[in-house]
Every structure is written in structure tokens, then in C-alpha cells.
Amino acid sequence: MPKKNRADVERIRDRIRAEKESAPKRIMVVSNRTDRDLQRALAKKLDAEITWVVGDKPRRLKSAAKAIGYGRFTTLILFTGFLDHKAVLVMVDAARKSETPIVRANRGRLAAVEKAMKRDLKGETDADDDDGDKERPGQDGVG
């Protein structure tokens, strides 16, 4: 590819990245049940629009996966401790295809979500660790 075309492609990519970063955060949460209190807490803490999906029916999951696949969300949060394996696979596949970051929180509590976001997004979020729990080498039995 000629240098001029490569520069044009890079300029377009940079513009798309900048638009994504400045766009409002839209987060999809998939769980086995509705939790309005957690939804409000996440929206406030993350300064984001939260779409909550109860992943108990195949059609509902398919619709959610389609929305993720179209890139309509900036992040996908899965409460893996509450979802069956197939549901997780469907959502992860859609997120990977659209390059949507995935957060796997075992259980649906605010502190667990914050910890999972720090782990899975590696600093891409402003979520603070309010409980003062700092990970140290050896805590998980490694290192």
C-alpha cells in the first residue's frame, strides 16, 4: 500500500478511536436476574448507561449478542457465577467479534464488579477500589 494511503488509513483509525473514547459509556450487564439497586449503583459509579439483560432465555441472549456484535456497547459485564456456560460463550463470542471489552464478574456485587473491571480492563475504567484491598504477590497462591 502506498505511503499516502497508509497515512489516510491511520488518520481514519485515529478518528474512530477518538470518537469511541469521547462517546458516552454504554455497558451491557448480563445476569440471571434483575437487580435495580446494582444497576443504579453501577451507572453512578461508572458514569455510564447500563443496559441490564436477564440471560435466561435463548431469544433474549441472541438479541443481546446481536447488539454487542453490532458494537452498540463499550463494555460487556457478565455475571458468570449466575449464568450457564452456553450463555457465557454466546456473549463472549459476540464481544470478541466486535472487539467489545469483556468483564467477567463471578457474582453481582458492586465491589466484585469493580475488582473484575480492574483485572479485565487493566486500567481502562475509573472504578476505584474503595475497600482498600490491594492485591499483593502471593495472595492468589502464585508468586
N, C-alpha and C. Protein backbone atom coordinates (compact mmCIF):
# COMPACT_ATOMS: atom_id res chain seq x y z
N MET A 1 0.85 -1.17 0.00
CA MET A 1 0.00 0.00 0.00
C MET A 1 0.90 1.24 0.00
N PRO A 2 0.61 2.20 -0.87
CA PRO A 2 1.41 3.43 -0.91
C PRO A 2 1.37 4.16 0.43
N LYS A 3 2.45 4.94 0.69
CA LYS A 3 2.55 5.65 1.97
C LYS A 3 1.37 6.58 2.22
N LYS A 4 0.90 7.26 1.17
CA LYS A 4 -0.21 8.19 1.33
C LYS A 4 -1.47 7.45 1.80
N ASN A 5 -1.75 6.29 1.21
CA ASN A 5 -2.93 5.51 1.61
C ASN A 5 -2.80 5.02 3.04
N ARG A 6 -1.59 4.59 3.44
CA ARG A 6 -1.39 4.14 4.82
C ARG A 6 -1.64 5.28 5.80
N ALA A 7 -1.18 6.47 5.45
CA ALA A 7 -1.39 7.63 6.32
C ALA A 7 -2.88 7.95 6.42
N ASP A 8 -3.60 7.85 5.31
CA ASP A 8 -5.04 8.09 5.33
C ASP A 8 -5.75 7.07 6.21
N VAL A 9 -5.37 5.81 6.09
CA VAL A 9 -5.97 4.74 6.90
C VAL A 9 -5.70 4.99 8.37
N GLU A 10 -4.48 5.37 8.72
CA GLU A 10 -4.14 5.66 10.12
C GLU A 10 -4.92 6.85 10.66
N ARG A 11 -5.09 7.89 9.84
CA ARG A 11 -5.87 9.06 10.26
C ARG A 11 -7.31 8.66 10.55
N ILE A 12 -7.88 7.83 9.69
CA ILE A 12 -9.26 7.35 9.89
C ILE A 12 -9.35 6.52 11.16
N ARG A 13 -8.40 5.62 11.37
CA ARG A 13 -8.38 4.80 12.59
C ARG A 13 -8.28 5.66 13.84
N ASP A 14 -7.42 6.67 13.79
CA ASP A 14 -7.27 7.58 14.94
C ASP A 14 -8.57 8.32 15.23
N ARG A 15 -9.26 8.75 14.18
CA ARG A 15 -10.53 9.46 14.36
C ARG A 15 -11.58 8.54 14.98
N ILE A 16 -11.63 7.30 14.51
CA ILE A 16 -12.59 6.33 15.06
C ILE A 16 -12.29 6.07 16.53
N ARG A 17 -11.01 5.87 16.88
CA ARG A 17 -10.62 5.67 18.28
C ARG A 17 -11.03 6.85 19.14
N ALA A 18 -10.79 8.06 18.64
CA ALA A 18 -11.13 9.27 19.41
C ALA A 18 -12.63 9.38 19.61
N GLU A 19 -13.40 9.04 18.58
CA GLU A 19 -14.87 9.08 18.71
C GLU A 19 -15.35 8.07 19.73
N LYS A 20 -14.75 6.87 19.73
CA LYS A 20 -15.15 5.85 20.71
C LYS A 20 -14.83 6.30 22.13
N GLU A 21 -13.66 6.93 22.32
CA GLU A 21 -13.25 7.36 23.65
C GLU A 21 -14.10 8.50 24.17
N SER A 22 -14.58 9.37 23.28
CA SER A 22 -15.36 10.51 23.73
C SER A 22 -16.86 10.20 23.80
N ALA A 23 -17.28 9.08 23.25
CA ALA A 23 -18.70 8.71 23.27
C ALA A 23 -19.10 8.32 24.70
N PRO A 24 -20.38 8.52 25.03
CA PRO A 24 -20.84 8.10 26.36
C PRO A 24 -20.66 6.59 26.54
N LYS A 25 -20.34 6.19 27.76
CA LYS A 25 -20.17 4.77 28.04
C LYS A 25 -21.52 4.08 28.06
N ARG A 26 -21.61 3.01 27.30
CA ARG A 26 -22.82 2.18 27.29
C ARG A 26 -22.38 0.76 27.65
N ILE A 27 -22.84 0.29 28.77
CA ILE A 27 -22.40 -1.01 29.30
C ILE A 27 -23.58 -1.96 29.33
N MET A 28 -23.36 -3.17 28.82
CA MET A 28 -24.38 -4.22 28.92
C MET A 28 -23.96 -5.16 30.04
N VAL A 29 -24.91 -5.44 30.93
CA VAL A 29 -24.70 -6.39 32.02
C VAL A 29 -25.61 -7.58 31.76
N VAL A 30 -25.04 -8.79 31.80
CA VAL A 30 -25.85 -10.00 31.61
C VAL A 30 -25.80 -10.81 32.90
N SER A 31 -26.98 -11.09 33.44
CA SER A 31 -27.13 -11.84 34.68
C SER A 31 -28.31 -12.78 34.55
N ASN A 32 -28.59 -13.50 35.61
CA ASN A 32 -29.74 -14.41 35.60
C ASN A 32 -30.98 -13.77 36.20
N ARG A 33 -30.82 -12.53 36.73
CA ARG A 33 -31.95 -11.86 37.38
C ARG A 33 -31.76 -10.36 37.33
N THR A 34 -32.82 -9.63 37.51
CA THR A 34 -32.77 -8.17 37.56
C THR A 34 -32.33 -7.72 38.95
N ASP A 35 -31.51 -6.69 39.00
CA ASP A 35 -31.08 -6.10 40.27
C ASP A 35 -31.01 -4.59 40.06
N ARG A 36 -32.13 -3.91 40.28
CA ARG A 36 -32.23 -2.46 40.03
C ARG A 36 -31.26 -1.66 40.90
N ASP A 37 -31.06 -2.09 42.14
CA ASP A 37 -30.14 -1.37 43.02
C ASP A 37 -28.71 -1.42 42.48
N LEU A 38 -28.27 -2.60 42.06
CA LEU A 38 -26.93 -2.73 41.50
C LEU A 38 -26.82 -1.97 40.18
N GLN A 39 -27.86 -2.01 39.37
CA GLN A 39 -27.86 -1.29 38.11
C GLN A 39 -27.65 0.22 38.34
N ARG A 40 -28.38 0.77 39.31
CA ARG A 40 -28.23 2.19 39.64
C ARG A 40 -26.84 2.49 40.20
N ALA A 41 -26.36 1.61 41.07
CA ALA A 41 -25.03 1.81 41.67
C ALA A 41 -23.94 1.78 40.60
N LEU A 42 -24.04 0.83 39.66
CA LEU A 42 -23.05 0.75 38.57
C LEU A 42 -23.12 1.99 37.69
N ALA A 43 -24.33 2.41 37.35
CA ALA A 43 -24.49 3.59 36.49
C ALA A 43 -23.84 4.81 37.13
N LYS A 44 -24.06 4.96 38.43
CA LYS A 44 -23.50 6.11 39.16
C LYS A 44 -21.98 6.00 39.27
N LYS A 45 -21.50 4.84 39.70
CA LYS A 45 -20.07 4.64 39.92
C LYS A 45 -19.26 4.76 38.63
N LEU A 46 -19.80 4.21 37.54
CA LEU A 46 -19.07 4.17 36.27
C LEU A 46 -19.43 5.33 35.34
N ASP A 47 -20.40 6.14 35.76
CA ASP A 47 -20.87 7.24 34.93
C ASP A 47 -21.20 6.72 33.52
N ALA A 48 -22.09 5.72 33.50
CA ALA A 48 -22.41 5.04 32.25
C ALA A 48 -23.89 4.70 32.18
N GLU A 49 -24.35 4.50 30.96
CA GLU A 49 -25.69 3.98 30.73
C GLU A 49 -25.61 2.46 30.81
N ILE A 50 -26.40 1.87 31.69
CA ILE A 50 -26.36 0.42 31.90
C ILE A 50 -27.60 -0.21 31.29
N THR A 51 -27.39 -1.18 30.42
CA THR A 51 -28.49 -1.99 29.88
C THR A 51 -28.37 -3.35 30.54
N TRP A 52 -29.40 -3.73 31.27
CA TRP A 52 -29.39 -4.97 32.03
C TRP A 52 -30.15 -6.04 31.25
N VAL A 53 -29.52 -7.16 31.02
CA VAL A 53 -30.15 -8.26 30.29
C VAL A 53 -30.22 -9.47 31.21
N VAL A 54 -31.43 -10.01 31.35
CA VAL A 54 -31.60 -11.26 32.09
C VAL A 54 -31.43 -12.38 31.05
N GLY A 55 -30.33 -13.10 31.19
CA GLY A 55 -29.95 -14.09 30.18
C GLY A 55 -30.51 -15.47 30.42
N ASP A 56 -31.80 -15.55 30.69
CA ASP A 56 -32.40 -16.85 31.00
C ASP A 56 -33.13 -17.47 29.82
N LYS A 57 -33.27 -16.75 28.72
CA LYS A 57 -33.99 -17.27 27.56
C LYS A 57 -33.12 -17.13 26.31
N PRO A 58 -33.09 -18.17 25.47
CA PRO A 58 -32.23 -18.14 24.27
C PRO A 58 -32.48 -16.93 23.36
N ARG A 59 -33.75 -16.58 23.16
CA ARG A 59 -34.04 -15.43 22.27
C ARG A 59 -33.50 -14.13 22.84
N ARG A 60 -33.63 -13.97 24.13
CA ARG A 60 -33.13 -12.75 24.79
C ARG A 60 -31.60 -12.68 24.66
N LEU A 61 -30.93 -13.81 24.86
CA LEU A 61 -29.47 -13.85 24.72
C LEU A 61 -29.05 -13.56 23.29
N LYS A 62 -29.78 -14.13 22.34
CA LYS A 62 -29.46 -13.92 20.93
C LYS A 62 -29.58 -12.43 20.58
N SER A 63 -30.61 -11.79 21.06
CA SER A 63 -30.82 -10.36 20.82
C SER A 63 -29.70 -9.54 21.46
N ALA A 64 -29.33 -9.89 22.68
CA ALA A 64 -28.25 -9.19 23.38
C ALA A 64 -26.93 -9.39 22.64
N ALA A 65 -26.67 -10.61 22.20
CA ALA A 65 -25.43 -10.90 21.47
C ALA A 65 -25.38 -10.11 20.16
N LYS A 66 -26.52 -9.96 19.51
CA LYS A 66 -26.58 -9.20 18.27
C LYS A 66 -26.22 -7.73 18.53
N ALA A 67 -26.77 -7.17 19.61
CA ALA A 67 -26.47 -5.77 19.96
C ALA A 67 -24.99 -5.59 20.27
N ILE A 68 -24.42 -6.53 20.99
CA ILE A 68 -22.98 -6.48 21.28
C ILE A 68 -22.19 -6.61 19.98
N GLY A 69 -22.61 -7.54 19.14
CA GLY A 69 -21.93 -7.77 17.86
C GLY A 69 -21.92 -6.55 16.95
N TYR A 70 -22.96 -5.73 17.04
CA TYR A 70 -23.02 -4.51 16.24
C TYR A 70 -22.19 -3.38 16.84
N GLY A 71 -21.57 -3.63 18.00
CA GLY A 71 -20.72 -2.63 18.62
C GLY A 71 -21.48 -1.51 19.31
N ARG A 72 -22.69 -1.80 19.77
CA ARG A 72 -23.52 -0.77 20.40
C ARG A 72 -23.13 -0.48 21.84
N PHE A 73 -22.23 -1.29 22.40
CA PHE A 73 -21.84 -1.12 23.80
C PHE A 73 -20.34 -0.99 23.91
N THR A 74 -19.91 -0.22 24.91
CA THR A 74 -18.47 -0.02 25.11
C THR A 74 -17.86 -1.12 25.96
N THR A 75 -18.69 -1.81 26.75
CA THR A 75 -18.20 -2.87 27.63
C THR A 75 -19.31 -3.88 27.88
N LEU A 76 -18.93 -5.13 28.04
CA LEU A 76 -19.86 -6.20 28.41
C LEU A 76 -19.44 -6.74 29.77
N ILE A 77 -20.39 -6.75 30.72
CA ILE A 77 -20.13 -7.34 32.05
C ILE A 77 -20.98 -8.59 32.16
N LEU A 78 -20.33 -9.71 32.45
CA LEU A 78 -21.02 -10.99 32.61
C LEU A 78 -20.91 -11.45 34.06
N PHE A 79 -22.04 -11.77 34.67
CA PHE A 79 -22.01 -12.37 36.00
C PHE A 79 -21.95 -13.87 35.81
N THR A 80 -20.73 -14.36 35.61
CA THR A 80 -20.51 -15.75 35.22
C THR A 80 -20.95 -16.75 36.28
N GLY A 81 -20.96 -16.35 37.53
CA GLY A 81 -21.40 -17.26 38.59
C GLY A 81 -22.89 -17.54 38.54
N PHE A 82 -23.63 -16.71 37.81
CA PHE A 82 -25.08 -16.86 37.73
C PHE A 82 -25.55 -17.36 36.36
N LEU A 83 -24.66 -17.42 35.37
CA LEU A 83 -25.06 -17.78 34.01
C LEU A 83 -24.57 -19.18 33.66
N ASP A 84 -25.33 -19.85 32.81
CA ASP A 84 -24.84 -21.16 32.36
C ASP A 84 -23.72 -20.95 31.34
N HIS A 85 -22.93 -21.99 31.15
CA HIS A 85 -21.74 -21.93 30.31
C HIS A 85 -22.07 -21.51 28.88
N LYS A 86 -23.15 -22.02 28.34
CA LYS A 86 -23.52 -21.71 26.95
C LYS A 86 -23.84 -20.22 26.80
N ALA A 87 -24.53 -19.64 27.75
CA ALA A 87 -24.86 -18.22 27.71
C ALA A 87 -23.58 -17.37 27.70
N VAL A 88 -22.63 -17.73 28.54
CA VAL A 88 -21.36 -17.01 28.60
C VAL A 88 -20.64 -17.11 27.25
N LEU A 89 -20.61 -18.31 26.67
CA LEU A 89 -19.93 -18.50 25.39
C LEU A 89 -20.56 -17.66 24.27
N VAL A 90 -21.88 -17.61 24.23
CA VAL A 90 -22.58 -16.82 23.21
C VAL A 90 -22.19 -15.35 23.32
N MET A 91 -22.20 -14.82 24.53
CA MET A 91 -21.90 -13.42 24.73
C MET A 91 -20.43 -13.10 24.49
N VAL A 92 -19.55 -13.97 24.94
CA VAL A 92 -18.11 -13.76 24.74
C VAL A 92 -17.78 -13.78 23.24
N ASP A 93 -18.38 -14.69 22.51
CA ASP A 93 -18.14 -14.77 21.07
C ASP A 93 -18.56 -13.47 20.38
N ALA A 94 -19.73 -12.96 20.71
CA ALA A 94 -20.20 -11.71 20.10
C ALA A 94 -19.29 -10.54 20.47
N ALA A 95 -18.86 -10.48 21.72
CA ALA A 95 -18.00 -9.39 22.17
C ALA A 95 -16.64 -9.43 21.48
N ARG A 96 -16.10 -10.61 21.32
CA ARG A 96 -14.79 -10.73 20.65
C ARG A 96 -14.88 -10.30 19.20
N LYS A 97 -15.95 -10.68 18.53
CA LYS A 97 -16.12 -10.31 17.12
C LYS A 97 -16.20 -8.80 16.94
N SER A 98 -16.81 -8.11 17.89
CA SER A 98 -16.95 -6.65 17.79
C SER A 98 -15.86 -5.91 18.56
N GLU A 99 -14.93 -6.66 19.14
CA GLU A 99 -13.83 -6.10 19.93
C GLU A 99 -14.34 -5.28 21.12
N THR A 100 -15.45 -5.74 21.70
CA THR A 100 -16.00 -5.11 22.90
C THR A 100 -15.31 -5.71 24.12
N PRO A 101 -14.75 -4.88 24.99
CA PRO A 101 -14.10 -5.42 26.20
C PRO A 101 -15.08 -6.21 27.07
N ILE A 102 -14.59 -7.30 27.64
CA ILE A 102 -15.40 -8.21 28.44
C ILE A 102 -14.91 -8.18 29.88
N VAL A 103 -15.86 -8.05 30.80
CA VAL A 103 -15.55 -8.13 32.23
C VAL A 103 -16.31 -9.33 32.78
N ARG A 104 -15.59 -10.24 33.41
CA ARG A 104 -16.21 -11.43 34.00
C ARG A 104 -16.20 -11.30 35.51
N ALA A 105 -17.37 -10.98 36.05
CA ALA A 105 -17.52 -10.87 37.50
C ALA A 105 -18.27 -12.10 37.96
N ASN A 106 -17.71 -12.84 38.88
CA ASN A 106 -18.34 -14.08 39.31
C ASN A 106 -19.72 -13.86 39.89
N ARG A 107 -19.85 -12.88 40.77
CA ARG A 107 -21.13 -12.61 41.42
C ARG A 107 -21.47 -11.14 41.22
N GLY A 108 -22.73 -10.83 41.35
CA GLY A 108 -23.21 -9.49 41.08
C GLY A 108 -23.21 -8.55 42.27
N ARG A 109 -22.08 -8.18 42.76
CA ARG A 109 -21.96 -7.17 43.81
C ARG A 109 -21.04 -6.07 43.30
N LEU A 110 -21.27 -4.85 43.73
CA LEU A 110 -20.51 -3.71 43.23
C LEU A 110 -19.00 -3.89 43.41
N ALA A 111 -18.58 -4.31 44.59
CA ALA A 111 -17.14 -4.50 44.84
C ALA A 111 -16.56 -5.57 43.92
N ALA A 112 -17.31 -6.63 43.67
CA ALA A 112 -16.83 -7.70 42.78
C ALA A 112 -16.70 -7.20 41.34
N VAL A 113 -17.66 -6.37 40.92
CA VAL A 113 -17.61 -5.82 39.57
C VAL A 113 -16.41 -4.87 39.43
N GLU A 114 -16.20 -4.02 40.41
CA GLU A 114 -15.07 -3.10 40.37
C GLU A 114 -13.74 -3.85 40.29
N LYS A 115 -13.61 -4.88 41.10
CA LYS A 115 -12.37 -5.68 41.10
C LYS A 115 -12.18 -6.37 39.75
N ALA A 116 -13.26 -6.93 39.21
CA ALA A 116 -13.19 -7.60 37.91
C ALA A 116 -12.84 -6.61 36.80
N MET A 117 -13.39 -5.39 36.88
CA MET A 117 -13.08 -4.39 35.86
C MET A 117 -11.61 -4.01 35.91
N LYS A 118 -11.08 -3.84 37.10
CA LYS A 118 -9.65 -3.53 37.21
C LYS A 118 -8.80 -4.65 36.63
N ARG A 119 -9.19 -5.87 36.91
CA ARG A 119 -8.46 -7.03 36.41
C ARG A 119 -8.59 -7.17 34.89
N ASP A 120 -9.82 -7.13 34.39
CA ASP A 120 -10.07 -7.44 32.98
C ASP A 120 -9.81 -6.28 32.03
N LEU A 121 -9.98 -5.06 32.50
CA LEU A 121 -9.78 -3.91 31.62
C LEU A 121 -8.43 -3.26 31.80
N LYS A 122 -7.68 -3.69 32.78
CA LYS A 122 -6.32 -3.22 33.05
C LYS A 122 -6.22 -1.70 33.01
N GLY A 123 -7.06 -1.05 33.84
CA GLY A 123 -6.97 0.40 33.98
C GLY A 123 -7.79 1.19 32.99
N GLU A 124 -8.63 0.55 32.18
CA GLU A 124 -9.44 1.29 31.22
C GLU A 124 -10.68 1.88 31.85
N THR A 125 -10.84 1.76 33.16
CA THR A 125 -12.02 2.29 33.85
C THR A 125 -11.60 3.20 34.98
N ASP A 126 -12.50 4.05 35.41
CA ASP A 126 -12.24 4.95 36.53
C ASP A 126 -12.72 4.36 37.84
N ALA A 127 -13.16 3.10 37.83
CA ALA A 127 -13.67 2.48 39.05
C ALA A 127 -12.56 2.43 40.09
N ASP A 128 -12.83 2.98 41.26
CA ASP A 128 -11.85 2.99 42.35
C ASP A 128 -12.08 1.80 43.25
N ASP A 129 -11.02 1.32 43.85
CA ASP A 129 -11.12 0.22 44.79
C ASP A 129 -11.32 0.82 46.17
N ASP A 130 -12.57 1.07 46.56
CA ASP A 130 -12.88 1.75 47.81
C ASP A 130 -12.64 0.90 49.05
N ASP A 131 -12.53 -0.40 48.90
CA ASP A 131 -12.41 -1.24 50.08
C ASP A 131 -10.97 -1.36 50.58
N GLY A 132 -10.03 -0.70 49.89
CA GLY A 132 -8.64 -0.70 50.33
C GLY A 132 -7.92 -2.02 50.12
N ASP A 133 -8.56 -2.98 49.47
CA ASP A 133 -7.96 -4.28 49.24
C ASP A 133 -6.96 -4.17 48.09
N LYS A 134 -5.70 -4.24 48.40
CA LYS A 134 -4.66 -4.16 47.38
C LYS A 134 -4.14 -5.56 47.12
N GLU A 135 -4.05 -5.92 45.84
CA GLU A 135 -3.53 -7.23 45.52
C GLU A 135 -2.03 -7.23 45.76
N ARG A 136 -1.56 -8.28 46.40
CA ARG A 136 -0.15 -8.42 46.70
C ARG A 136 0.33 -9.75 46.14
N PRO A 137 1.61 -9.79 45.73
CA PRO A 137 2.16 -11.07 45.25
C PRO A 137 1.94 -12.15 46.30
N GLY A 138 1.50 -13.29 45.85
CA GLY A 138 1.31 -14.42 46.75
C GLY A 138 -0.10 -14.58 47.27
N GLN A 139 -0.97 -13.56 47.09
CA GLN A 139 -2.33 -13.64 47.59
C GLN A 139 -3.11 -14.78 46.94
N ASP A 140 -2.83 -14.97 45.66
CA ASP A 140 -3.59 -16.00 44.94
C ASP A 140 -2.85 -17.33 44.90
N GLY A 141 -1.82 -17.43 45.70
CA GLY A 141 -1.07 -18.67 45.74
C GLY A 141 0.05 -18.74 44.71
N VAL A 142 0.21 -17.67 43.92
CA VAL A 142 1.24 -17.62 42.90
C VAL A 142 2.17 -16.46 43.24
N GLY A 143 3.48 -16.66 43.06
CA GLY A 143 4.42 -15.55 43.21
C GLY A 143 4.98 -15.36 44.53
